[in-house]
Amino acid sequence: MNVIADNSIVDSSTGILIIEGHENHIYGNRIFANATAGISMELENYEYSNGIHDNLIYKNHISGSVDGIRMLYEGIEQNQISGNIITENSGYGIEIPWGNFENTIYGNHFSFNTLGNAIDNGNDNHWFTQDKGGNYWDDYTGSDLNQDGFGDTPHPVPGTANASDDKPLMGDQGDISVSPMSVAFETHVISKLTPRPPAEKTVTITNQGNVDLAVLGILLEGPDSVHFALNNNPCEGTDIAPGGSCVTTVAYNPFSPGSHAAELVIISSDENQDVVRVTINGEGVPPLSGDVNGNGIYDLADALTILQVLVGMAPDIVQFGETGDGSSLALSDVLYILRQISAK
C-alpha cells in the first residue's frame, strides 16, 4: 500500500497518475490546474495486468484541470472515491468509460464542471451508500421536503450506464467567516546583527454553515510576502465542524525598511466564497544610528558588537546600525556609543 497525502500538485500534465495500482490511499491533496486530469487511473492492458482496484481516493480538492478524476480504458474496479471537492474543471468532474465497474462514489462535492459533473458509461458503479448518502451536485434541482439532508428524488448521472444518485446531498460545503479581514502590524525595527523576534497577529477562520468546512490551503501572496510568514498554521488541510473555529498566526519580521503589503489567501470548500483574501500591512524601520543591535537604545551591547566586528567575530554592517557616516565600523564608533550612553 502506498500513501499519497497532503501535497500541492499544480501545473503538471496529470496531477496523480495510477497505472496498475491497488490498495493505495490518496487523500488531503490540493490538485490544481493540471493539463489533462487531477487524478487519472489508466489500465491499457487489462488482460495482462493486476488491474486497478481497491484504491481509496478521499478528501482531495481537484480543480482547474480538464477532468477532475478520470478512468481510461477498462478493468478499473472496486475503488472508493469519497469526500472530494471536484470543481471548475473544463471537462467532467469524474469520467468513467465502458468496462469499469463496481466503483463507489459518495460524499463528493461536484460544482461548475464545464462538460458535466459526471459521466458514467461503465457498469454497476455505485453513486451513493445507504448510510452516508450520495454526492452534492450543483445542478440538482430536487427538494428535501422531509429535511433529512438527502434529496427526495434521484439525481440522474449522464451516460450509458443509466446510473443515478438516489440520495443526493443537500446544502453547501460550509460557510466561511474570517476575522479580521485586515491586519496591520506596528512599526518594526530592523536589526542586521541581532535579529529581533517577529511580531505576530492571529486570524480566525469560523464555519458558520451546517456541514464541515474544508480548509484546503493557506498561503501568502504579493511581492512583499517575503517579509511575512505563517508561524503557526494548524488550519490548513483540516475540516472545521459547524460552529467551530481555527486560528492561524501571521508573523512580520522585515529585512528591509519601508512599507510592506501582502495578502493572506485562504482557500476553502465554501462554494460561494472559496477564496478569502486578508490584507496585511507593516512598516520596517532601521535602528537609530549607532544602535547596532536594534533594541531601540544605546547600550554597552552596541559597543561590544562593534568590537566583535572589528576583531572578526561578527559580520560588518554597512546599511543598518552604523554611526552615521555610512562607512565600515571603527574604534571611533565605540567611543561614539560610549558618549551616547554617558549623555543619557
C-alpha atoms as a PDB file:
ATOM      1  CA  MET A   1       0.000   0.000   0.000  1.00  0.00           C
ATOM      2  CA  ASN A   2       1.228   3.477  -0.908  1.00  0.00           C
ATOM      3  CA  VAL A   3       0.061   6.719   0.682  1.00  0.00           C
ATOM      4  CA  ILE A   4      -0.041   9.974  -1.297  1.00  0.00           C
ATOM      5  CA  ALA A   5      -1.177  12.685   1.092  1.00  0.00           C
ATOM      6  CA  ASP A   6      -1.075  16.400   1.840  1.00  0.00           C
ATOM      7  CA  ASN A   7       0.614  17.548  -1.367  1.00  0.00           C
ATOM      8  CA  SER A   8       0.038  20.593  -3.549  1.00  0.00           C
ATOM      9  CA  ILE A   9       0.211  19.483  -7.191  1.00  0.00           C
ATOM     10  CA  VAL A  10      -0.028  22.355  -9.660  1.00  0.00           C
ATOM     11  CA  ASP A  11       0.624  22.886 -13.384  1.00  0.00           C
ATOM     12  CA  SER A  12       1.682  19.368 -14.334  1.00  0.00           C
ATOM     13  CA  SER A  13       0.437  17.156 -17.157  1.00  0.00           C
ATOM     14  CA  THR A  14      -1.506  14.866 -14.800  1.00  0.00           C
ATOM     15  CA  GLY A  15      -1.723  15.572 -11.097  1.00  0.00           C
ATOM     16  CA  ILE A  16      -1.631  11.942  -9.889  1.00  0.00           C
ATOM     17  CA  LEU A  17      -1.403   9.001 -12.304  1.00  0.00           C
ATOM     18  CA  ILE A  18      -2.263   5.432 -11.228  1.00  0.00           C
ATOM     19  CA  ILE A  19      -1.160   2.602 -13.524  1.00  0.00           C
ATOM     20  CA  GLU A  20      -1.876  -0.962 -12.334  1.00  0.00           C
ATOM     21  CA  GLY A  21      -2.153   0.266  -8.758  1.00  0.00           C
ATOM     22  CA  HIS A  22      -4.218  -1.178  -5.943  1.00  0.00           C
ATOM     23  CA  GLU A  23      -4.857  -0.510  -2.242  1.00  0.00           C
ATOM     24  CA  ASN A  24      -3.359   2.989  -2.431  1.00  0.00           C
ATOM     25  CA  HIS A  25      -4.591   5.774  -0.142  1.00  0.00           C
ATOM     26  CA  ILE A  26      -4.738   9.178  -1.846  1.00  0.00           C
ATOM     27  CA  TYR A  27      -6.046  11.922   0.415  1.00  0.00           C
ATOM     28  CA  GLY A  28      -5.714  15.528   1.503  1.00  0.00           C
ATOM     29  CA  ASN A  29      -4.053  16.704  -1.726  1.00  0.00           C
ATOM     30  CA  ARG A  30      -4.630  20.068  -3.379  1.00  0.00           C
ATOM     31  CA  ILE A  31      -4.555  19.382  -7.120  1.00  0.00           C
ATOM     32  CA  PHE A  32      -4.941  22.491  -9.279  1.00  0.00           C
ATOM     33  CA  ALA A  33      -4.551  23.474 -12.945  1.00  0.00           C
ATOM     34  CA  ASN A  34      -3.136  20.251 -14.376  1.00  0.00           C
ATOM     35  CA  ALA A  35      -3.346  19.796 -18.144  1.00  0.00           C
ATOM     36  CA  THR A  36      -5.265  16.523 -18.526  1.00  0.00           C
ATOM     37  CA  ALA A  37      -6.675  15.369 -15.194  1.00  0.00           C
ATOM     38  CA  GLY A  38      -6.317  15.910 -11.488  1.00  0.00           C
ATOM     39  CA  ILE A  39      -6.257  12.152 -10.836  1.00  0.00           C
ATOM     40  CA  SER A  40      -6.109   9.646 -13.687  1.00  0.00           C
ATOM     41  CA  MET A  41      -6.423   5.859 -13.431  1.00  0.00           C
ATOM     42  CA  GLU A  42      -5.144   4.215 -16.608  1.00  0.00           C
ATOM     43  CA  LEU A  43      -5.105   0.499 -17.423  1.00  0.00           C
ATOM     44  CA  GLU A  44      -4.223  -0.072 -21.064  1.00  0.00           C
ATOM     45  CA  ASN A  45      -3.570  -3.844 -20.974  1.00  0.00           C
ATOM     46  CA  TYR A  46      -6.340  -5.141 -18.739  1.00  0.00           C
ATOM     47  CA  GLU A  47      -5.969  -8.819 -19.704  1.00  0.00           C
ATOM     48  CA  TYR A  48      -2.260  -8.888 -18.820  1.00  0.00           C
ATOM     49  CA  SER A  49      -2.211  -6.762 -15.670  1.00  0.00           C
ATOM     50  CA  ASN A  50      -3.087  -6.877 -11.988  1.00  0.00           C
ATOM     51  CA  GLY A  51      -5.715  -4.208 -12.541  1.00  0.00           C
ATOM     52  CA  ILE A  52      -6.558  -1.018 -10.711  1.00  0.00           C
ATOM     53  CA  HIS A  53      -8.707  -1.818  -7.710  1.00  0.00           C
ATOM     54  CA  ASP A  54      -9.355  -1.156  -4.012  1.00  0.00           C
ATOM     55  CA  ASN A  55      -7.833   2.319  -4.027  1.00  0.00           C
ATOM     56  CA  LEU A  56      -9.160   4.938  -1.593  1.00  0.00           C
ATOM     57  CA  ILE A  57      -9.340   8.456  -3.047  1.00  0.00           C
ATOM     58  CA  TYR A  58     -10.741  10.850  -0.489  1.00  0.00           C
ATOM     59  CA  LYS A  59     -10.736  14.438   0.783  1.00  0.00           C
ATOM     60  CA  ASN A  60      -8.782  15.889  -2.143  1.00  0.00           C
ATOM     61  CA  HIS A  61      -9.507  19.269  -3.719  1.00  0.00           C
ATOM     62  CA  ILE A  62      -9.344  18.979  -7.502  1.00  0.00           C
ATOM     63  CA  SER A  63      -9.969  21.937  -9.802  1.00  0.00           C
ATOM     64  CA  GLY A  64      -8.820  23.694 -12.947  1.00  0.00           C
ATOM     65  CA  SER A  65      -7.892  20.592 -14.957  1.00  0.00           C
ATOM     66  CA  VAL A  66      -9.655  19.075 -17.985  1.00  0.00           C
ATOM     67  CA  ASP A  67     -11.187  16.206 -15.982  1.00  0.00           C
ATOM     68  CA  GLY A  68     -11.175  16.141 -12.219  1.00  0.00           C
ATOM     69  CA  ILE A  69     -10.945  12.331 -11.909  1.00  0.00           C
ATOM     70  CA  ARG A  70     -10.923  10.075 -14.953  1.00  0.00           C
ATOM     71  CA  MET A  71     -10.623   6.403 -15.761  1.00  0.00           C
ATOM     72  CA  LEU A  72      -9.038   5.363 -19.044  1.00  0.00           C
ATOM     73  CA  TYR A  73      -9.547   2.030 -20.773  1.00  0.00           C
ATOM     74  CA  GLU A  74     -11.216  -0.826 -18.849  1.00  0.00           C
ATOM     75  CA  GLY A  75     -10.800  -3.019 -15.798  1.00  0.00           C
ATOM     76  CA  ILE A  76     -10.805  -0.263 -13.159  1.00  0.00           C
ATOM     77  CA  GLU A  77     -12.949  -1.655 -10.367  1.00  0.00           C
ATOM     78  CA  GLN A  78     -13.963  -1.525  -6.712  1.00  0.00           C
ATOM     79  CA  ASN A  79     -12.302   1.792  -5.930  1.00  0.00           C
ATOM     80  CA  GLN A  80     -13.785   4.193  -3.381  1.00  0.00           C
ATOM     81  CA  ILE A  81     -13.968   7.879  -4.266  1.00  0.00           C
ATOM     82  CA  SER A  82     -15.360   9.926  -1.379  1.00  0.00           C
ATOM     83  CA  GLY A  83     -15.279  13.317   0.277  1.00  0.00           C
ATOM     84  CA  ASN A  84     -13.527  15.093  -2.591  1.00  0.00           C
ATOM     85  CA  ILE A  85     -14.220  18.615  -3.793  1.00  0.00           C
ATOM     86  CA  ILE A  86     -14.231  18.499  -7.590  1.00  0.00           C
ATOM     87  CA  THR A  87     -14.948  21.869  -9.099  1.00  0.00           C
ATOM     88  CA  GLU A  88     -14.269  24.200 -12.036  1.00  0.00           C
ATOM     89  CA  ASN A  89     -12.743  21.648 -14.391  1.00  0.00           C
ATOM     90  CA  SER A  90     -13.144  22.288 -18.121  1.00  0.00           C
ATOM     91  CA  GLY A  91     -14.210  18.693 -18.861  1.00  0.00           C
ATOM     92  CA  TYR A  92     -16.035  16.355 -16.478  1.00  0.00           C
ATOM     93  CA  GLY A  93     -15.836  16.273 -12.726  1.00  0.00           C
ATOM     94  CA  ILE A  94     -15.457  12.495 -12.991  1.00  0.00           C
ATOM     95  CA  GLU A  95     -15.417  10.393 -16.174  1.00  0.00           C
ATOM     96  CA  ILE A  96     -15.996   6.611 -16.174  1.00  0.00           C
ATOM     97  CA  PRO A  97     -15.813   4.863 -19.582  1.00  0.00           C
ATOM     98  CA  TRP A  98     -17.134   1.439 -20.569  1.00  0.00           C
ATOM     99  CA  GLY A  99     -15.672  -1.625 -18.862  1.00  0.00           C
ATOM    100  CA  ASN A 100     -15.102  -0.062 -15.430  1.00  0.00           C
ATOM    101  CA  PHE A 101     -17.356  -1.336 -12.703  1.00  0.00           C
ATOM    102  CA  GLU A 102     -18.336  -1.543  -9.036  1.00  0.00           C
ATOM    103  CA  ASN A 103     -16.632   1.711  -8.070  1.00  0.00           C
ATOM    104  CA  THR A 104     -18.292   3.573  -5.187  1.00  0.00           C
ATOM    105  CA  ILE A 105     -18.594   7.342  -5.401  1.00  0.00           C
ATOM    106  CA  TYR A 106     -20.175   9.197  -2.485  1.00  0.00           C
ATOM    107  CA  GLY A 107     -19.793  12.258  -0.267  1.00  0.00           C
ATOM    108  CA  ASN A 108     -18.168  14.307  -3.037  1.00  0.00           C
ATOM    109  CA  HIS A 109     -18.894  17.910  -3.929  1.00  0.00           C
ATOM    110  CA  PHE A 110     -19.378  18.479  -7.685  1.00  0.00           C
ATOM    111  CA  SER A 111     -19.763  22.023  -8.997  1.00  0.00           C
ATOM    112  CA  PHE A 112     -19.029  24.207 -12.034  1.00  0.00           C
ATOM    113  CA  ASN A 113     -17.523  21.460 -14.203  1.00  0.00           C
ATOM    114  CA  THR A 114     -17.994  22.610 -17.795  1.00  0.00           C
ATOM    115  CA  LEU A 115     -18.965  19.418 -19.679  1.00  0.00           C
ATOM    116  CA  GLY A 116     -20.765  17.999 -16.686  1.00  0.00           C
ATOM    117  CA  ASN A 117     -20.207  16.965 -13.109  1.00  0.00           C
ATOM    118  CA  ALA A 118     -20.039  13.276 -14.052  1.00  0.00           C
ATOM    119  CA  ILE A 119     -20.499  10.793 -16.879  1.00  0.00           C
ATOM    120  CA  ASP A 120     -20.823   7.047 -16.304  1.00  0.00           C
ATOM    121  CA  ASN A 121     -20.524   4.707 -19.276  1.00  0.00           C
ATOM    122  CA  GLY A 122     -19.353   1.842 -17.072  1.00  0.00           C
ATOM    123  CA  ASN A 123     -21.116  -0.999 -15.306  1.00  0.00           C
ATOM    124  CA  ASP A 124     -22.716  -1.183 -11.876  1.00  0.00           C
ATOM    125  CA  ASN A 125     -20.929   1.755 -10.299  1.00  0.00           C
ATOM    126  CA  HIS A 126     -22.494   2.997  -7.055  1.00  0.00           C
ATOM    127  CA  TRP A 127     -23.191   6.708  -6.611  1.00  0.00           C
ATOM    128  CA  PHE A 128     -24.482   6.567  -3.035  1.00  0.00           C
ATOM    129  CA  THR A 129     -24.468   4.435   0.095  1.00  0.00           C
ATOM    130  CA  GLN A 130     -27.485   3.804   2.266  1.00  0.00           C
ATOM    131  CA  ASP A 131     -25.960   5.151   5.457  1.00  0.00           C
ATOM    132  CA  LYS A 132     -23.857   8.092   4.188  1.00  0.00           C
ATOM    133  CA  GLY A 133     -25.885   9.092   1.153  1.00  0.00           C
ATOM    134  CA  GLY A 134     -24.643  10.238  -2.223  1.00  0.00           C
ATOM    135  CA  ASN A 135     -22.971  13.380  -3.505  1.00  0.00           C
ATOM    136  CA  TYR A 136     -23.589  17.115  -3.625  1.00  0.00           C
ATOM    137  CA  TRP A 137     -24.446  18.254  -7.184  1.00  0.00           C
ATOM    138  CA  ASP A 138     -24.703  21.940  -8.003  1.00  0.00           C
ATOM    139  CA  ASP A 139     -27.150  21.122 -10.828  1.00  0.00           C
ATOM    140  CA  TYR A 140     -29.535  19.091  -8.680  1.00  0.00           C
ATOM    141  CA  THR A 141     -32.999  20.665  -8.858  1.00  0.00           C
ATOM    142  CA  GLY A 142     -34.845  18.477  -6.371  1.00  0.00           C
ATOM    143  CA  SER A 143     -36.051  19.366  -2.899  1.00  0.00           C
ATOM    144  CA  ASP A 144     -35.734  17.951   0.617  1.00  0.00           C
ATOM    145  CA  LEU A 145     -39.247  18.225   1.997  1.00  0.00           C
ATOM    146  CA  ASN A 146     -38.644  15.860   4.903  1.00  0.00           C
ATOM    147  CA  GLN A 147     -35.384  17.674   5.782  1.00  0.00           C
ATOM    148  CA  ASP A 148     -33.316  14.540   6.216  1.00  0.00           C
ATOM    149  CA  GLY A 149     -30.363  16.056   4.330  1.00  0.00           C
ATOM    150  CA  PHE A 150     -30.964  13.974   1.172  1.00  0.00           C
ATOM    151  CA  GLY A 151     -32.849  14.954  -1.958  1.00  0.00           C
ATOM    152  CA  ASP A 152     -36.333  13.464  -2.276  1.00  0.00           C
ATOM    153  CA  THR A 153     -35.757  12.420  -5.897  1.00  0.00           C
ATOM    154  CA  PRO A 154     -32.743  10.712  -7.511  1.00  0.00           C
ATOM    155  CA  HIS A 155     -30.151  12.706  -9.422  1.00  0.00           C
ATOM    156  CA  PRO A 156     -29.514  11.021 -12.797  1.00  0.00           C
ATOM    157  CA  VAL A 157     -25.877  10.522 -13.773  1.00  0.00           C
ATOM    158  CA  PRO A 158     -25.405  11.019 -17.532  1.00  0.00           C
ATOM    159  CA  GLY A 159     -24.008   8.145 -19.575  1.00  0.00           C
ATOM    160  CA  THR A 160     -24.927   4.757 -20.983  1.00  0.00           C
ATOM    161  CA  ALA A 161     -24.918   3.101 -17.528  1.00  0.00           C
ATOM    162  CA  ASN A 162     -28.248   4.783 -16.713  1.00  0.00           C
ATOM    163  CA  ALA A 163     -26.913   5.320 -13.196  1.00  0.00           C
ATOM    164  CA  SER A 164     -28.342   7.633 -10.567  1.00  0.00           C
ATOM    165  CA  ASP A 165     -27.517   9.076  -7.188  1.00  0.00           C
ATOM    166  CA  ASP A 166     -30.592   8.062  -5.186  1.00  0.00           C
ATOM    167  CA  LYS A 167     -29.600  10.031  -2.075  1.00  0.00           C
ATOM    168  CA  PRO A 168     -28.130  13.333  -3.335  1.00  0.00           C
ATOM    169  CA  LEU A 169     -26.769  15.527  -0.591  1.00  0.00           C
ATOM    170  CA  MET A 170     -28.389  18.869   0.075  1.00  0.00           C
ATOM    171  CA  GLY A 171     -26.774  22.103   1.291  1.00  0.00           C
ATOM    172  CA  ASP A 172     -23.435  23.825   0.999  1.00  0.00           C
ATOM    173  CA  GLN A 173     -19.954  22.684   1.943  1.00  0.00           C
ATOM    174  CA  GLY A 174     -19.675  25.049   4.896  1.00  0.00           C
ATOM    175  CA  ASP A 175     -19.940  28.811   5.236  1.00  0.00           C
ATOM    176  CA  ILE A 176     -16.617  30.543   5.890  1.00  0.00           C
ATOM    177  CA  SER A 177     -16.133  33.638   8.025  1.00  0.00           C
ATOM    178  CA  VAL A 178     -12.687  35.190   8.555  1.00  0.00           C
ATOM    179  CA  SER A 179     -11.728  37.779  11.169  1.00  0.00           C
ATOM    180  CA  PRO A 180     -10.075  40.205  10.890  1.00  0.00           C
ATOM    181  CA  MET A 181     -10.119  40.899   7.158  1.00  0.00           C
ATOM    182  CA  SER A 182      -7.260  43.385   7.515  1.00  0.00           C
ATOM    183  CA  VAL A 183      -4.117  43.000   9.645  1.00  0.00           C
ATOM    184  CA  ALA A 184      -1.867  45.982  10.440  1.00  0.00           C
ATOM    185  CA  PHE A 185       1.456  45.476  12.219  1.00  0.00           C
ATOM    186  CA  GLU A 186       3.107  48.167  14.305  1.00  0.00           C
ATOM    187  CA  THR A 187       6.376  49.715  13.123  1.00  0.00           C
ATOM    188  CA  HIS A 188       9.087  47.071  13.388  1.00  0.00           C
ATOM    189  CA  VAL A 189      12.761  47.950  13.951  1.00  0.00           C
ATOM    190  CA  ILE A 190      15.204  46.071  11.732  1.00  0.00           C
ATOM    191  CA  SER A 191      18.466  44.724  13.117  1.00  0.00           C
ATOM    192  CA  LYS A 192      21.109  43.109  10.972  1.00  0.00           C
ATOM    193  CA  LEU A 193      23.317  41.603  13.642  1.00  0.00           C
ATOM    194  CA  THR A 194      20.826  40.726  16.355  1.00  0.00           C
ATOM    195  CA  PRO A 195      17.518  39.714  14.733  1.00  0.00           C
ATOM    196  CA  ARG A 196      14.503  40.735  16.753  1.00  0.00           C
ATOM    197  CA  PRO A 197      11.668  38.275  17.348  1.00  0.00           C
ATOM    198  CA  PRO A 198       8.902  38.714  14.791  1.00  0.00           C
ATOM    199  CA  ALA A 199       5.679  40.498  15.570  1.00  0.00           C
ATOM    200  CA  GLU A 200       2.658  38.178  15.443  1.00  0.00           C
ATOM    201  CA  LYS A 201      -1.049  38.587  14.699  1.00  0.00           C
ATOM    202  CA  THR A 202      -3.778  35.946  14.582  1.00  0.00           C
ATOM    203  CA  VAL A 203      -6.530  35.344  12.029  1.00  0.00           C
ATOM    204  CA  THR A 204      -9.571  33.269  12.978  1.00  0.00           C
ATOM    205  CA  ILE A 205     -11.458  31.077  10.482  1.00  0.00           C
ATOM    206  CA  THR A 206     -15.004  30.154  11.514  1.00  0.00           C
ATOM    207  CA  ASN A 207     -17.512  27.790   9.914  1.00  0.00           C
ATOM    208  CA  GLN A 208     -20.978  29.356  10.034  1.00  0.00           C
ATOM    209  CA  GLY A 209     -22.513  26.594   7.899  1.00  0.00           C
ATOM    210  CA  ASN A 210     -24.318  23.404   8.816  1.00  0.00           C
ATOM    211  CA  VAL A 211     -21.758  20.946   7.384  1.00  0.00           C
ATOM    212  CA  ASP A 212     -17.983  20.651   7.678  1.00  0.00           C
ATOM    213  CA  LEU A 213     -15.840  23.349   6.066  1.00  0.00           C
ATOM    214  CA  ALA A 214     -12.642  22.059   4.457  1.00  0.00           C
ATOM    215  CA  VAL A 215      -9.698  24.467   4.693  1.00  0.00           C
ATOM    216  CA  LEU A 216      -7.805  23.462   1.568  1.00  0.00           C
ATOM    217  CA  GLY A 217      -4.931  25.901   1.573  1.00  0.00           C
ATOM    218  CA  ILE A 218      -3.489  28.961   3.331  1.00  0.00           C
ATOM    219  CA  LEU A 219      -0.692  30.932   1.717  1.00  0.00           C
ATOM    220  CA  LEU A 220       0.881  34.378   1.495  1.00  0.00           C
ATOM    221  CA  GLU A 221       0.839  36.261  -1.798  1.00  0.00           C
ATOM    222  CA  GLY A 222       2.236  39.544  -3.072  1.00  0.00           C
ATOM    223  CA  PRO A 223       5.703  40.983  -3.833  1.00  0.00           C
ATOM    224  CA  ASP A 224       6.236  41.865  -0.153  1.00  0.00           C
ATOM    225  CA  SER A 225       5.121  38.472   1.157  1.00  0.00           C
ATOM    226  CA  VAL A 226       8.761  37.520   1.864  1.00  0.00           C
ATOM    227  CA  HIS A 227       8.645  39.836   4.889  1.00  0.00           C
ATOM    228  CA  PHE A 228       5.783  37.829   6.406  1.00  0.00           C
ATOM    229  CA  ALA A 229       5.472  34.184   7.457  1.00  0.00           C
ATOM    230  CA  LEU A 230       2.937  31.684   8.743  1.00  0.00           C
ATOM    231  CA  ASN A 231       4.363  30.903  12.176  1.00  0.00           C
ATOM    232  CA  ASN A 232       1.559  28.608  13.277  1.00  0.00           C
ATOM    233  CA  ASN A 233      -0.818  27.190  10.708  1.00  0.00           C
ATOM    234  CA  PRO A 234      -2.855  24.291  12.119  1.00  0.00           C
ATOM    235  CA  CYS A 235      -5.888  25.136   9.968  1.00  0.00           C
ATOM    236  CA  GLU A 236      -4.594  24.111   6.537  1.00  0.00           C
ATOM    237  CA  GLY A 237      -5.811  20.686   5.485  1.00  0.00           C
ATOM    238  CA  THR A 238      -8.347  20.400   8.294  1.00  0.00           C
ATOM    239  CA  ASP A 239     -12.133  20.244   8.410  1.00  0.00           C
ATOM    240  CA  ILE A 240     -13.862  22.756  10.673  1.00  0.00           C
ATOM    241  CA  ALA A 241     -17.107  21.470  12.140  1.00  0.00           C
ATOM    242  CA  PRO A 242     -20.266  23.607  12.024  1.00  0.00           C
ATOM    243  CA  GLY A 243     -19.873  26.429  14.547  1.00  0.00           C
ATOM    244  CA  GLY A 244     -16.182  25.643  15.027  1.00  0.00           C
ATOM    245  CA  SER A 245     -13.139  27.865  14.545  1.00  0.00           C
ATOM    246  CA  CYS A 246      -9.439  27.586  13.824  1.00  0.00           C
ATOM    247  CA  VAL A 247      -6.678  30.161  14.395  1.00  0.00           C
ATOM    248  CA  THR A 248      -3.631  30.746  12.206  1.00  0.00           C
ATOM    249  CA  THR A 249      -0.721  33.043  13.122  1.00  0.00           C
ATOM    250  CA  VAL A 250       0.943  35.531  10.760  1.00  0.00           C
ATOM    251  CA  ALA A 251       4.411  36.856  11.646  1.00  0.00           C
ATOM    252  CA  TYR A 252       6.163  40.035  10.475  1.00  0.00           C
ATOM    253  CA  ASN A 253       9.955  40.380  10.570  1.00  0.00           C
ATOM    254  CA  PRO A 254      11.090  42.684   7.733  1.00  0.00           C
ATOM    255  CA  PHE A 255      14.642  42.679   6.448  1.00  0.00           C
ATOM    256  CA  SER A 256      14.468  45.995   4.555  1.00  0.00           C
ATOM    257  CA  PRO A 257      12.972  49.358   5.521  1.00  0.00           C
ATOM    258  CA  GLY A 258       9.730  50.717   4.101  1.00  0.00           C
ATOM    259  CA  SER A 259       6.067  49.828   3.891  1.00  0.00           C
ATOM    260  CA  HIS A 260       5.207  46.225   3.112  1.00  0.00           C
ATOM    261  CA  ALA A 261       1.886  44.808   1.937  1.00  0.00           C
ATOM    262  CA  ALA A 262       0.757  41.247   1.224  1.00  0.00           C
ATOM    263  CA  GLU A 263      -2.329  39.047   1.273  1.00  0.00           C
ATOM    264  CA  LEU A 264      -3.188  36.017   3.337  1.00  0.00           C
ATOM    265  CA  VAL A 265      -5.108  33.759   0.932  1.00  0.00           C
ATOM    266  CA  ILE A 266      -7.473  31.182   2.428  1.00  0.00           C
ATOM    267  CA  ILE A 267      -8.924  28.517   0.107  1.00  0.00           C
ATOM    268  CA  SER A 268     -11.904  26.557   1.390  1.00  0.00           C
ATOM    269  CA  SER A 269     -14.800  24.377   0.313  1.00  0.00           C
ATOM    270  CA  ASP A 270     -17.336  27.211   0.630  1.00  0.00           C
ATOM    271  CA  GLU A 271     -18.733  27.217  -2.912  1.00  0.00           C
ATOM    272  CA  ASN A 272     -19.998  30.788  -2.540  1.00  0.00           C
ATOM    273  CA  GLN A 273     -16.664  32.141  -1.304  1.00  0.00           C
ATOM    274  CA  ASP A 274     -13.975  29.568  -1.941  1.00  0.00           C
ATOM    275  CA  VAL A 275     -11.123  32.130  -1.766  1.00  0.00           C
ATOM    276  CA  VAL A 276     -10.863  34.739   1.001  1.00  0.00           C
ATOM    277  CA  ARG A 277      -8.107  37.378   0.925  1.00  0.00           C
ATOM    278  CA  VAL A 278      -6.947  39.134   4.084  1.00  0.00           C
ATOM    279  CA  THR A 279      -4.845  42.280   3.570  1.00  0.00           C
ATOM    280  CA  ILE A 280      -1.644  42.521   5.612  1.00  0.00           C
ATOM    281  CA  ASN A 281       0.460  45.644   6.137  1.00  0.00           C
ATOM    282  CA  GLY A 282       3.587  46.534   8.093  1.00  0.00           C
ATOM    283  CA  GLU A 283       6.444  49.007   8.125  1.00  0.00           C
ATOM    284  CA  GLY A 284      10.095  48.279   8.776  1.00  0.00           C
ATOM    285  CA  VAL A 285      12.452  50.994  10.017  1.00  0.00           C
ATOM    286  CA  PRO A 286      16.216  50.930  10.589  1.00  0.00           C
ATOM    287  CA  PRO A 287      17.517  51.301  14.125  1.00  0.00           C
ATOM    288  CA  LEU A 288      18.927  54.528  15.488  1.00  0.00           C
ATOM    289  CA  SER A 289      22.349  55.393  14.137  1.00  0.00           C
ATOM    290  CA  GLY A 290      24.687  53.553  16.471  1.00  0.00           C
ATOM    291  CA  ASP A 291      22.041  51.164  17.790  1.00  0.00           C
ATOM    292  CA  VAL A 292      23.674  48.211  16.092  1.00  0.00           C
ATOM    293  CA  ASN A 293      21.668  45.547  17.903  1.00  0.00           C
ATOM    294  CA  GLY A 294      18.368  47.226  17.040  1.00  0.00           C
ATOM    295  CA  ASN A 295      16.855  47.267  20.516  1.00  0.00           C
ATOM    296  CA  GLY A 296      15.943  50.946  20.302  1.00  0.00           C
ATOM    297  CA  ILE A 297      18.506  52.297  22.809  1.00  0.00           C
ATOM    298  CA  TYR A 298      22.249  52.891  23.104  1.00  0.00           C
ATOM    299  CA  ASP A 299      23.835  50.400  25.488  1.00  0.00           C
ATOM    300  CA  LEU A 300      27.046  48.507  26.157  1.00  0.00           C
ATOM    301  CA  ALA A 301      25.822  45.684  23.948  1.00  0.00           C
ATOM    302  CA  ASP A 302      26.159  48.054  20.957  1.00  0.00           C
ATOM    303  CA  ALA A 303      29.764  48.839  21.864  1.00  0.00           C
ATOM    304  CA  LEU A 304      30.525  45.142  22.382  1.00  0.00           C
ATOM    305  CA  THR A 305      29.009  44.286  18.994  1.00  0.00           C
ATOM    306  CA  ILE A 306      31.225  46.841  17.260  1.00  0.00           C
ATOM    307  CA  LEU A 307      34.278  45.397  18.973  1.00  0.00           C
ATOM    308  CA  GLN A 308      33.252  41.928  17.782  1.00  0.00           C
ATOM    309  CA  VAL A 309      33.032  43.279  14.231  1.00  0.00           C
ATOM    310  CA  LEU A 310      36.481  44.848  14.489  1.00  0.00           C
ATOM    311  CA  VAL A 311      38.128  41.595  15.633  1.00  0.00           C
ATOM    312  CA  GLY A 312      36.249  39.491  13.076  1.00  0.00           C
ATOM    313  CA  MET A 313      33.847  37.788  15.459  1.00  0.00           C
ATOM    314  CA  ALA A 314      30.746  39.297  13.772  1.00  0.00           C
ATOM    315  CA  PRO A 315      29.965  40.464  10.218  1.00  0.00           C
ATOM    316  CA  ASP A 316      30.464  44.132   9.339  1.00  0.00           C
ATOM    317  CA  ILE A 317      27.479  46.456   8.971  1.00  0.00           C
ATOM    318  CA  VAL A 318      27.184  48.837   6.049  1.00  0.00           C
ATOM    319  CA  GLN A 319      23.476  49.674   5.692  1.00  0.00           C
ATOM    320  CA  PHE A 320      21.971  49.373   9.168  1.00  0.00           C
ATOM    321  CA  GLY A 321      23.266  50.335  12.579  1.00  0.00           C
ATOM    322  CA  GLU A 322      26.336  52.324  11.531  1.00  0.00           C
ATOM    323  CA  THR A 323      27.077  55.520  13.379  1.00  0.00           C
ATOM    324  CA  GLY A 324      26.078  57.834  10.578  1.00  0.00           C
ATOM    325  CA  ASP A 325      28.952  58.128   8.130  1.00  0.00           C
ATOM    326  CA  GLY A 326      27.986  55.051   6.082  1.00  0.00           C
ATOM    327  CA  SER A 327      31.493  53.591   6.237  1.00  0.00           C
ATOM    328  CA  SER A 328      32.719  50.462   7.930  1.00  0.00           C
ATOM    329  CA  LEU A 329      32.809  50.489  11.683  1.00  0.00           C
ATOM    330  CA  ALA A 330      35.909  51.649  13.517  1.00  0.00           C
ATOM    331  CA  LEU A 331      37.166  52.072  17.073  1.00  0.00           C
ATOM    332  CA  SER A 332      35.902  55.663  16.984  1.00  0.00           C
ATOM    333  CA  ASP A 333      32.387  54.267  16.712  1.00  0.00           C
ATOM    334  CA  VAL A 334      32.867  52.520  20.074  1.00  0.00           C
ATOM    335  CA  LEU A 335      33.718  55.874  21.584  1.00  0.00           C
ATOM    336  CA  TYR A 336      30.629  57.373  19.915  1.00  0.00           C
ATOM    337  CA  ILE A 337      28.405  54.763  21.576  1.00  0.00           C
ATOM    338  CA  LEU A 338      30.023  55.307  24.969  1.00  0.00           C
ATOM    339  CA  ARG A 339      29.465  59.059  24.694  1.00  0.00           C
ATOM    340  CA  GLN A 340      25.793  58.421  23.834  1.00  0.00           C
ATOM    341  CA  ILE A 341      25.450  56.226  26.913  1.00  0.00           C
ATOM    342  CA  SER A 342      27.126  58.756  29.219  1.00  0.00           C
ATOM    343  CA  ALA A 343      24.906  61.553  27.845  1.00  0.00           C
ATOM    344  CA  LYS A 344      21.716  59.792  28.977  1.00  0.00           C
END
